[in-house]
Structure formats: C-alpha cells, structure tokens
Amino acid sequence: MSTFEPVEYDDAGTQLTGHVVRPQGPPRAAVLVFPTIMNPTPAVEAKAFKLAQAGYLAMIGDFYGKTPESFDQSRLFASEIRETPELYRQRLRASLRALVGVDGSQGLPIFIIGFCMGGQAALELAREGAPVAAAVSFHGLLDTQMPAEPGKVSARILVCHGDADPMVPRGQVMNFWQEMDHAGANWHFHSYAGVKHGFTNPAPNDNPATDYDASADRQSWAAMMSLFAELLES
C-alpha cells in the first residue's frame, strides 16, 4: 500500500487537491471518499487507507481547495458551496472526474462514500444518476434541495445512520425513505439505536451532537464491504 499521492484538479477556477492511496496489488475498484465538513481529517484518511488495505484504489475528494481552521470556518466554507445546489453538485462531479482520471482507475467499477457532509455529497451524486455502482453514507445529512426523480438513481444506496443523531431527525429520515421509494432506488438503510452523529470518528471533541461508537463503526464498515463484495461478484 502506498502513501497519499496528490491529484490536482479544477472546478470553475477553484483549484482542488485530491489524495489518492493505492493497494499493493491491482485494485478491485476505485472509491471516491468525500470527507466531513472539515475537509480531509485523520479519521477520514484512516478510512481511505483501510480501503487500500482491502484492495481498493481510494481518493479523498476536496470540497473547498483550502483547509478550515475551525468548525465555524468550515460551516462558512460549506455554505459557500451548498447555497446553490447546482454549483454544489458541480463541485462534487469535479471530484468524480478527477478519480476517473487517476492512472489505474480506468475500467474499474466506481463507488462513492462519504462521512457527515460527505455522506450527503455521495447521496447527491447518486440522486442525479452519476455513473457509479454504489453510494454509501456514514452519518450523512439526508436532506436535499434537488430530490431524486423516478428512474434516475442507478447506484445501489447504503445509508448508515445513528438513530440519536440530532442533525438528522426522524422526519428527515422518513422524507429520505419516501424520496428513495418515489425514485425507485435500490436502497438499504441501517439505523443504530442510541448512536449520535459522527460515530465513525474516534477523535475526541466537544460537540454534544457527535460521539464515537465502536460497534456502529464496525458494523457500518462491514455493511459497506459486504455491498462492495456483492457488486463485484455479480
């Protein structure tokens, strides 16, 4: 397994940098990893390395082209790209194109995953019918300003959600279920009782909405790997 390789790309004049990590042997598939609202963090980097250890070529996408210095600043950066849904998706598509252009990814199945805001990002690309085999959200936001249209979603969808996540209340969950049914999507939804937002990130923080949960972290990762294996074997 390699260390991270920087991949420079562009979205309408904003310079972005992806970070690619490769497996030791030929990759089974290529995975676009969308980070949290803080952009790449050690927890997300660890997940990308874990994918490479499992035989996948992984690239962490770049939301902003810069690194937030605080959570408050990350919210400002995020609002700048999310306030216009079309431009938000344009930024996400730029990351997907960058992954497809990485040496060694050509001809491979493409998966997208994401954490928190990154989970929302993965679902946004799936909603518009991006040519990917699967989209996986870990404690991601489920709301959207551009709901999926019937017949549009071609990716398999897996959402791993903490049922005690105050950032994604049950009303948002129910709306998502209805949206996916209306779109005719092939979707799975795993909900973990008593689990809060950010359950895959073991780093301590002072946000009462988030909390690491080792069991939910293990179970959600295993669910994703099982889905990937099923798609690759079909």
C-alpha atoms as a PDB file:
ATOM      1  CA  MET A   1       0.000   0.000   0.000  1.00  0.00           C
ATOM      2  CA  SER A   2       1.276   3.457  -0.933  1.00  0.00           C
ATOM      3  CA  THR A   3       1.223   6.791   0.815  1.00  0.00           C
ATOM      4  CA  PHE A   4      -1.090   9.531  -0.416  1.00  0.00           C
ATOM      5  CA  GLU A   5      -0.494  10.908  -3.907  1.00  0.00           C
ATOM      6  CA  PRO A   6      -1.809  14.435  -4.552  1.00  0.00           C
ATOM      7  CA  VAL A   7      -4.082  14.853  -7.572  1.00  0.00           C
ATOM      8  CA  GLU A   8      -4.658  18.409  -8.740  1.00  0.00           C
ATOM      9  CA  TYR A   9      -7.961  19.258 -10.381  1.00  0.00           C
ATOM     10  CA  ASP A  10     -10.208  22.234 -11.010  1.00  0.00           C
ATOM     11  CA  ASP A  11     -13.796  23.332 -10.650  1.00  0.00           C
ATOM     12  CA  ALA A  12     -14.678  26.561 -12.436  1.00  0.00           C
ATOM     13  CA  GLY A  13     -11.387  28.162 -11.475  1.00  0.00           C
ATOM     14  CA  THR A  14     -11.180  26.785  -7.929  1.00  0.00           C
ATOM     15  CA  GLN A  15      -8.041  24.689  -7.556  1.00  0.00           C
ATOM     16  CA  LEU A  16      -8.654  21.457  -5.686  1.00  0.00           C
ATOM     17  CA  THR A  17      -6.418  18.628  -4.488  1.00  0.00           C
ATOM     18  CA  GLY A  18      -7.462  15.016  -4.139  1.00  0.00           C
ATOM     19  CA  HIS A  19      -5.441  12.490  -2.177  1.00  0.00           C
ATOM     20  CA  VAL A  20      -5.038   9.024  -3.684  1.00  0.00           C
ATOM     21  CA  VAL A  21      -3.914   5.878  -1.911  1.00  0.00           C
ATOM     22  CA  ARG A  22      -3.343   2.609  -3.780  1.00  0.00           C
ATOM     23  CA  PRO A  23      -3.453  -1.044  -2.781  1.00  0.00           C
ATOM     24  CA  GLN A  24      -0.389  -3.244  -3.070  1.00  0.00           C
ATOM     25  CA  GLY A  25      -1.796  -5.226  -5.961  1.00  0.00           C
ATOM     26  CA  PRO A  26      -4.230  -4.498  -8.790  1.00  0.00           C
ATOM     27  CA  PRO A  27      -7.230  -2.586  -7.435  1.00  0.00           C
ATOM     28  CA  ARG A  28     -10.614  -4.262  -7.223  1.00  0.00           C
ATOM     29  CA  ALA A  29     -12.454  -0.982  -7.751  1.00  0.00           C
ATOM     30  CA  ALA A  30     -11.964   2.763  -7.349  1.00  0.00           C
ATOM     31  CA  VAL A  31     -13.600   4.574  -4.428  1.00  0.00           C
ATOM     32  CA  LEU A  32     -14.233   8.310  -4.144  1.00  0.00           C
ATOM     33  CA  VAL A  33     -14.203   9.277  -0.462  1.00  0.00           C
ATOM     34  CA  PHE A  34     -15.953  12.512   0.456  1.00  0.00           C
ATOM     35  CA  PRO A  35     -14.697  13.899   3.776  1.00  0.00           C
ATOM     36  CA  THR A  36     -16.540  15.689   6.553  1.00  0.00           C
ATOM     37  CA  ILE A  37     -17.320  19.388   6.611  1.00  0.00           C
ATOM     38  CA  MET A  38     -13.752  19.878   7.907  1.00  0.00           C
ATOM     39  CA  ASN A  39     -12.368  18.507   4.613  1.00  0.00           C
ATOM     40  CA  PRO A  40      -9.787  15.683   4.979  1.00  0.00           C
ATOM     41  CA  THR A  41      -9.138  14.758   8.602  1.00  0.00           C
ATOM     42  CA  PRO A  42      -7.042  11.977  10.175  1.00  0.00           C
ATOM     43  CA  ALA A  43     -10.189   9.875  10.682  1.00  0.00           C
ATOM     44  CA  VAL A  44     -11.153  10.097   7.017  1.00  0.00           C
ATOM     45  CA  GLU A  45      -7.579   9.475   5.918  1.00  0.00           C
ATOM     46  CA  ALA A  46      -7.559   6.330   8.050  1.00  0.00           C
ATOM     47  CA  LYS A  47     -10.673   5.100   6.266  1.00  0.00           C
ATOM     48  CA  ALA A  48      -9.036   5.680   2.876  1.00  0.00           C
ATOM     49  CA  PHE A  49      -6.002   3.661   3.960  1.00  0.00           C
ATOM     50  CA  LYS A  50      -8.339   0.936   5.193  1.00  0.00           C
ATOM     51  CA  LEU A  51      -9.907   0.787   1.743  1.00  0.00           C
ATOM     52  CA  ALA A  52      -6.465   0.442   0.164  1.00  0.00           C
ATOM     53  CA  GLN A  53      -5.624  -2.379   2.574  1.00  0.00           C
ATOM     54  CA  ALA A  54      -8.764  -4.132   1.354  1.00  0.00           C
ATOM     55  CA  GLY A  55      -7.651  -3.835  -2.274  1.00  0.00           C
ATOM     56  CA  TYR A  56      -9.320  -0.617  -3.416  1.00  0.00           C
ATOM     57  CA  LEU A  57      -7.856   2.462  -5.059  1.00  0.00           C
ATOM     58  CA  ALA A  58      -9.228   5.349  -2.975  1.00  0.00           C
ATOM     59  CA  MET A  59      -9.225   9.098  -3.490  1.00  0.00           C
ATOM     60  CA  ILE A  60     -10.319  11.634  -0.881  1.00  0.00           C
ATOM     61  CA  GLY A  61     -12.110  14.482  -2.605  1.00  0.00           C
ATOM     62  CA  ASP A  62     -11.609  18.147  -1.819  1.00  0.00           C
ATOM     63  CA  PHE A  63     -14.635  20.328  -1.036  1.00  0.00           C
ATOM     64  CA  TYR A  64     -13.019  23.761  -0.798  1.00  0.00           C
ATOM     65  CA  GLY A  65      -9.450  23.886  -2.080  1.00  0.00           C
ATOM     66  CA  LYS A  66      -8.445  25.054   1.392  1.00  0.00           C
ATOM     67  CA  THR A  67      -8.380  23.746   4.940  1.00  0.00           C
ATOM     68  CA  PRO A  68     -10.728  25.183   7.572  1.00  0.00           C
ATOM     69  CA  GLU A  69      -9.012  26.368  10.724  1.00  0.00           C
ATOM     70  CA  SER A  70     -12.092  25.796  12.891  1.00  0.00           C
ATOM     71  CA  PHE A  71     -15.518  24.205  12.779  1.00  0.00           C
ATOM     72  CA  ASP A  72     -17.116  27.634  12.458  1.00  0.00           C
ATOM     73  CA  GLN A  73     -14.946  28.388   9.441  1.00  0.00           C
ATOM     74  CA  SER A  74     -15.821  25.025   7.907  1.00  0.00           C
ATOM     75  CA  ARG A  75     -19.513  25.903   8.174  1.00  0.00           C
ATOM     76  CA  LEU A  76     -18.815  29.134   6.320  1.00  0.00           C
ATOM     77  CA  PHE A  77     -16.879  27.305   3.600  1.00  0.00           C
ATOM     78  CA  ALA A  78     -19.644  24.723   3.291  1.00  0.00           C
ATOM     79  CA  SER A  79     -22.367  27.333   2.999  1.00  0.00           C
ATOM     80  CA  GLU A  80     -20.493  28.937   0.130  1.00  0.00           C
ATOM     81  CA  ILE A  81     -20.701  25.793  -1.998  1.00  0.00           C
ATOM     82  CA  ARG A  82     -24.030  24.400  -0.783  1.00  0.00           C
ATOM     83  CA  GLU A  83     -26.153  27.528  -1.103  1.00  0.00           C
ATOM     84  CA  THR A  84     -26.599  26.856  -4.838  1.00  0.00           C
ATOM     85  CA  PRO A  85     -27.489  23.175  -5.371  1.00  0.00           C
ATOM     86  CA  GLU A  86     -26.383  23.087  -8.995  1.00  0.00           C
ATOM     87  CA  LEU A  87     -22.959  24.505  -8.144  1.00  0.00           C
ATOM     88  CA  TYR A  88     -22.655  22.131  -5.190  1.00  0.00           C
ATOM     89  CA  ARG A  89     -23.181  19.153  -7.460  1.00  0.00           C
ATOM     90  CA  GLN A  90     -20.797  20.648  -9.994  1.00  0.00           C
ATOM     91  CA  ARG A  91     -18.088  20.652  -7.317  1.00  0.00           C
ATOM     92  CA  LEU A  92     -18.864  17.032  -6.464  1.00  0.00           C
ATOM     93  CA  ARG A  93     -18.746  15.986 -10.111  1.00  0.00           C
ATOM     94  CA  ALA A  94     -15.301  17.557 -10.397  1.00  0.00           C
ATOM     95  CA  SER A  95     -14.039  15.146  -7.738  1.00  0.00           C
ATOM     96  CA  LEU A  96     -15.620  12.192  -9.511  1.00  0.00           C
ATOM     97  CA  ARG A  97     -13.979  13.188 -12.803  1.00  0.00           C
ATOM     98  CA  ALA A  98     -10.643  13.509 -11.015  1.00  0.00           C
ATOM     99  CA  LEU A  99     -10.927   9.970  -9.653  1.00  0.00           C
ATOM    100  CA  VAL A 100     -11.861   8.561 -13.064  1.00  0.00           C
ATOM    101  CA  GLY A 101      -8.786  10.290 -14.490  1.00  0.00           C
ATOM    102  CA  VAL A 102      -6.370   8.775 -11.981  1.00  0.00           C
ATOM    103  CA  ASP A 103      -3.915   6.306 -13.525  1.00  0.00           C
ATOM    104  CA  GLY A 104      -5.087   2.780 -12.838  1.00  0.00           C
ATOM    105  CA  SER A 105      -8.754   3.618 -12.318  1.00  0.00           C
ATOM    106  CA  GLN A 106      -9.799   3.243 -15.941  1.00  0.00           C
ATOM    107  CA  GLY A 107     -12.226   0.391 -16.467  1.00  0.00           C
ATOM    108  CA  LEU A 108     -12.766  -0.199 -12.747  1.00  0.00           C
ATOM    109  CA  PRO A 109     -16.139  -0.168 -11.002  1.00  0.00           C
ATOM    110  CA  ILE A 110     -16.610   3.164  -9.211  1.00  0.00           C
ATOM    111  CA  PHE A 111     -18.003   3.518  -5.696  1.00  0.00           C
ATOM    112  CA  ILE A 112     -18.553   6.708  -3.703  1.00  0.00           C
ATOM    113  CA  ILE A 113     -18.699   7.002   0.071  1.00  0.00           C
ATOM    114  CA  GLY A 114     -18.791   9.902   2.485  1.00  0.00           C
ATOM    115  CA  PHE A 115     -18.888  10.952   6.104  1.00  0.00           C
ATOM    116  CA  CYS A 116     -21.198  13.629   7.558  1.00  0.00           C
ATOM    117  CA  MET A 117     -21.350  16.315   4.843  1.00  0.00           C
ATOM    118  CA  GLY A 118     -19.509  13.791   2.694  1.00  0.00           C
ATOM    119  CA  GLY A 119     -22.359  11.329   3.130  1.00  0.00           C
ATOM    120  CA  GLN A 120     -24.723  13.961   1.809  1.00  0.00           C
ATOM    121  CA  ALA A 121     -22.316  14.542  -1.090  1.00  0.00           C
ATOM    122  CA  ALA A 122     -22.291  10.853  -2.025  1.00  0.00           C
ATOM    123  CA  LEU A 123     -26.091  10.802  -2.000  1.00  0.00           C
ATOM    124  CA  GLU A 124     -26.285  13.994  -4.076  1.00  0.00           C
ATOM    125  CA  LEU A 125     -24.289  12.378  -6.873  1.00  0.00           C
ATOM    126  CA  ALA A 126     -26.422   9.250  -6.672  1.00  0.00           C
ATOM    127  CA  ARG A 127     -29.589  11.358  -6.836  1.00  0.00           C
ATOM    128  CA  GLU A 128     -28.588  12.839 -10.177  1.00  0.00           C
ATOM    129  CA  GLY A 129     -27.731   9.463 -11.663  1.00  0.00           C
ATOM    130  CA  ALA A 130     -23.934   9.569 -11.528  1.00  0.00           C
ATOM    131  CA  PRO A 131     -22.413   6.506 -13.252  1.00  0.00           C
ATOM    132  CA  VAL A 132     -21.304   4.762 -10.070  1.00  0.00           C
ATOM    133  CA  ALA A 133     -22.139   1.295  -8.796  1.00  0.00           C
ATOM    134  CA  ALA A 134     -22.760   2.254  -5.170  1.00  0.00           C
ATOM    135  CA  ALA A 135     -23.116   5.276  -2.908  1.00  0.00           C
ATOM    136  CA  VAL A 136     -22.604   4.880   0.834  1.00  0.00           C
ATOM    137  CA  SER A 137     -23.345   7.482   3.503  1.00  0.00           C
ATOM    138  CA  PHE A 138     -21.945   7.293   7.033  1.00  0.00           C
ATOM    139  CA  HIS A 139     -23.811   9.587   9.468  1.00  0.00           C
ATOM    140  CA  GLY A 140     -24.565  11.786   6.465  1.00  0.00           C
ATOM    141  CA  LEU A 141     -27.130  14.521   6.057  1.00  0.00           C
ATOM    142  CA  LEU A 142     -30.164  13.187   4.206  1.00  0.00           C
ATOM    143  CA  ASP A 143     -31.873  16.394   3.091  1.00  0.00           C
ATOM    144  CA  THR A 144     -31.583  17.809  -0.404  1.00  0.00           C
ATOM    145  CA  GLN A 145     -32.864  20.701  -2.447  1.00  0.00           C
ATOM    146  CA  MET A 146     -32.966  18.529  -5.578  1.00  0.00           C
ATOM    147  CA  PRO A 147     -34.795  15.270  -4.799  1.00  0.00           C
ATOM    148  CA  ALA A 148     -34.161  12.255  -6.996  1.00  0.00           C
ATOM    149  CA  GLU A 149     -36.524  11.808  -9.916  1.00  0.00           C
ATOM    150  CA  PRO A 150     -38.136   8.453 -10.766  1.00  0.00           C
ATOM    151  CA  GLY A 151     -35.773   6.165 -12.652  1.00  0.00           C
ATOM    152  CA  LYS A 152     -32.784   8.460 -12.138  1.00  0.00           C
ATOM    153  CA  VAL A 153     -30.853   6.630  -9.400  1.00  0.00           C
ATOM    154  CA  SER A 154     -28.774   3.803 -10.852  1.00  0.00           C
ATOM    155  CA  ALA A 155     -26.378   3.282  -7.921  1.00  0.00           C
ATOM    156  CA  ARG A 156     -27.050   0.911  -5.045  1.00  0.00           C
ATOM    157  CA  ILE A 157     -27.623   3.054  -1.952  1.00  0.00           C
ATOM    158  CA  LEU A 158     -26.478   2.262   1.591  1.00  0.00           C
ATOM    159  CA  VAL A 159     -27.125   4.700   4.429  1.00  0.00           C
ATOM    160  CA  CYS A 160     -25.588   4.036   7.850  1.00  0.00           C
ATOM    161  CA  HIS A 161     -27.283   6.307  10.361  1.00  0.00           C
ATOM    162  CA  GLY A 162     -27.183   6.952  14.094  1.00  0.00           C
ATOM    163  CA  ASP A 163     -30.762   6.957  15.352  1.00  0.00           C
ATOM    164  CA  ALA A 164     -29.874   9.511  18.053  1.00  0.00           C
ATOM    165  CA  ASP A 165     -28.277  11.908  15.551  1.00  0.00           C
ATOM    166  CA  PRO A 166     -29.759  15.351  16.345  1.00  0.00           C
ATOM    167  CA  MET A 167     -28.550  16.681  12.984  1.00  0.00           C
ATOM    168  CA  VAL A 168     -30.679  14.136  11.097  1.00  0.00           C
ATOM    169  CA  PRO A 169     -34.009  13.823  12.923  1.00  0.00           C
ATOM    170  CA  ARG A 170     -36.536  11.135  12.116  1.00  0.00           C
ATOM    171  CA  GLY A 171     -38.588  13.468   9.983  1.00  0.00           C
ATOM    172  CA  GLN A 172     -35.612  13.838   7.656  1.00  0.00           C
ATOM    173  CA  VAL A 173     -35.176  10.060   7.683  1.00  0.00           C
ATOM    174  CA  MET A 174     -38.795   9.479   6.704  1.00  0.00           C
ATOM    175  CA  ASN A 175     -38.549  12.061   3.930  1.00  0.00           C
ATOM    176  CA  PHE A 176     -35.464  10.292   2.596  1.00  0.00           C
ATOM    177  CA  TRP A 177     -37.204   6.913   2.591  1.00  0.00           C
ATOM    178  CA  GLN A 178     -40.135   8.369   0.686  1.00  0.00           C
ATOM    179  CA  GLU A 179     -37.801  10.080  -1.769  1.00  0.00           C
ATOM    180  CA  MET A 180     -35.925   6.855  -2.480  1.00  0.00           C
ATOM    181  CA  ASP A 181     -39.143   4.895  -2.909  1.00  0.00           C
ATOM    182  CA  HIS A 182     -40.540   7.540  -5.234  1.00  0.00           C
ATOM    183  CA  ALA A 183     -37.329   7.427  -7.276  1.00  0.00           C
ATOM    184  CA  GLY A 184     -37.444   3.631  -7.476  1.00  0.00           C
ATOM    185  CA  ALA A 185     -33.943   3.374  -5.986  1.00  0.00           C
ATOM    186  CA  ASN A 186     -32.349   0.182  -4.692  1.00  0.00           C
ATOM    187  CA  TRP A 187     -31.587   1.310  -1.150  1.00  0.00           C
ATOM    188  CA  HIS A 188     -30.645  -0.070   2.259  1.00  0.00           C
ATOM    189  CA  PHE A 189     -30.894   1.922   5.483  1.00  0.00           C
ATOM    190  CA  HIS A 190     -29.076   0.807   8.639  1.00  0.00           C
ATOM    191  CA  SER A 191     -30.021   2.663  11.817  1.00  0.00           C
ATOM    192  CA  TYR A 192     -28.103   2.198  15.063  1.00  0.00           C
ATOM    193  CA  ALA A 193     -30.087   2.764  18.266  1.00  0.00           C
ATOM    194  CA  GLY A 194     -28.765   5.384  20.665  1.00  0.00           C
ATOM    195  CA  VAL A 195     -25.928   6.362  18.309  1.00  0.00           C
ATOM    196  CA  LYS A 196     -25.147  10.009  17.590  1.00  0.00           C
ATOM    197  CA  HIS A 197     -23.639  11.894  14.663  1.00  0.00           C
ATOM    198  CA  GLY A 198     -20.002  11.248  13.739  1.00  0.00           C
ATOM    199  CA  PHE A 199     -19.973   7.693  15.079  1.00  0.00           C
ATOM    200  CA  THR A 200     -17.015   6.640  12.874  1.00  0.00           C
ATOM    201  CA  ASN A 201     -14.626   9.277  14.221  1.00  0.00           C
ATOM    202  CA  PRO A 202     -12.721   8.240  17.382  1.00  0.00           C
ATOM    203  CA  ALA A 203     -11.085  11.656  17.828  1.00  0.00           C
ATOM    204  CA  PRO A 204     -12.372  13.438  20.957  1.00  0.00           C
ATOM    205  CA  ASN A 205     -14.326  16.644  20.502  1.00  0.00           C
ATOM    206  CA  ASP A 206     -16.601  18.928  22.488  1.00  0.00           C
ATOM    207  CA  ASN A 207     -19.622  18.795  20.157  1.00  0.00           C
ATOM    208  CA  PRO A 208     -22.540  17.233  22.093  1.00  0.00           C
ATOM    209  CA  ALA A 209     -24.189  16.155  18.822  1.00  0.00           C
ATOM    210  CA  THR A 210     -21.340  13.765  17.991  1.00  0.00           C
ATOM    211  CA  ASP A 211     -19.924  10.702  19.680  1.00  0.00           C
ATOM    212  CA  TYR A 212     -17.806   7.782  18.536  1.00  0.00           C
ATOM    213  CA  ASP A 213     -19.446   4.373  18.704  1.00  0.00           C
ATOM    214  CA  ALA A 214     -17.094   1.465  18.085  1.00  0.00           C
ATOM    215  CA  SER A 215     -19.861  -1.047  17.406  1.00  0.00           C
ATOM    216  CA  ALA A 216     -21.659   1.162  14.871  1.00  0.00           C
ATOM    217  CA  ASP A 217     -18.301   1.964  13.264  1.00  0.00           C
ATOM    218  CA  ARG A 218     -17.501  -1.739  12.818  1.00  0.00           C
ATOM    219  CA  GLN A 219     -20.997  -2.731  11.698  1.00  0.00           C
ATOM    220  CA  SER A 220     -21.360   0.067   9.172  1.00  0.00           C
ATOM    221  CA  TRP A 221     -17.954  -0.621   7.642  1.00  0.00           C
ATOM    222  CA  ALA A 222     -18.762  -4.322   7.394  1.00  0.00           C
ATOM    223  CA  ALA A 223     -22.070  -3.488   5.692  1.00  0.00           C
ATOM    224  CA  MET A 224     -20.265  -1.372   3.124  1.00  0.00           C
ATOM    225  CA  MET A 225     -17.657  -4.034   2.445  1.00  0.00           C
ATOM    226  CA  SER A 226     -20.391  -6.637   2.046  1.00  0.00           C
ATOM    227  CA  LEU A 227     -22.183  -4.456  -0.505  1.00  0.00           C
ATOM    228  CA  PHE A 228     -18.979  -3.862  -2.435  1.00  0.00           C
ATOM    229  CA  ALA A 229     -18.212  -7.589  -2.497  1.00  0.00           C
ATOM    230  CA  GLU A 230     -21.719  -8.397  -3.716  1.00  0.00           C
ATOM    231  CA  LEU A 231     -21.461  -5.882  -6.544  1.00  0.00           C
ATOM    232  CA  LEU A 232     -18.033  -7.097  -7.591  1.00  0.00           C
ATOM    233  CA  GLU A 233     -19.138 -10.734  -7.601  1.00  0.00           C
ATOM    234  CA  SER A 234     -22.338 -10.137  -9.568  1.00  0.00           C
END
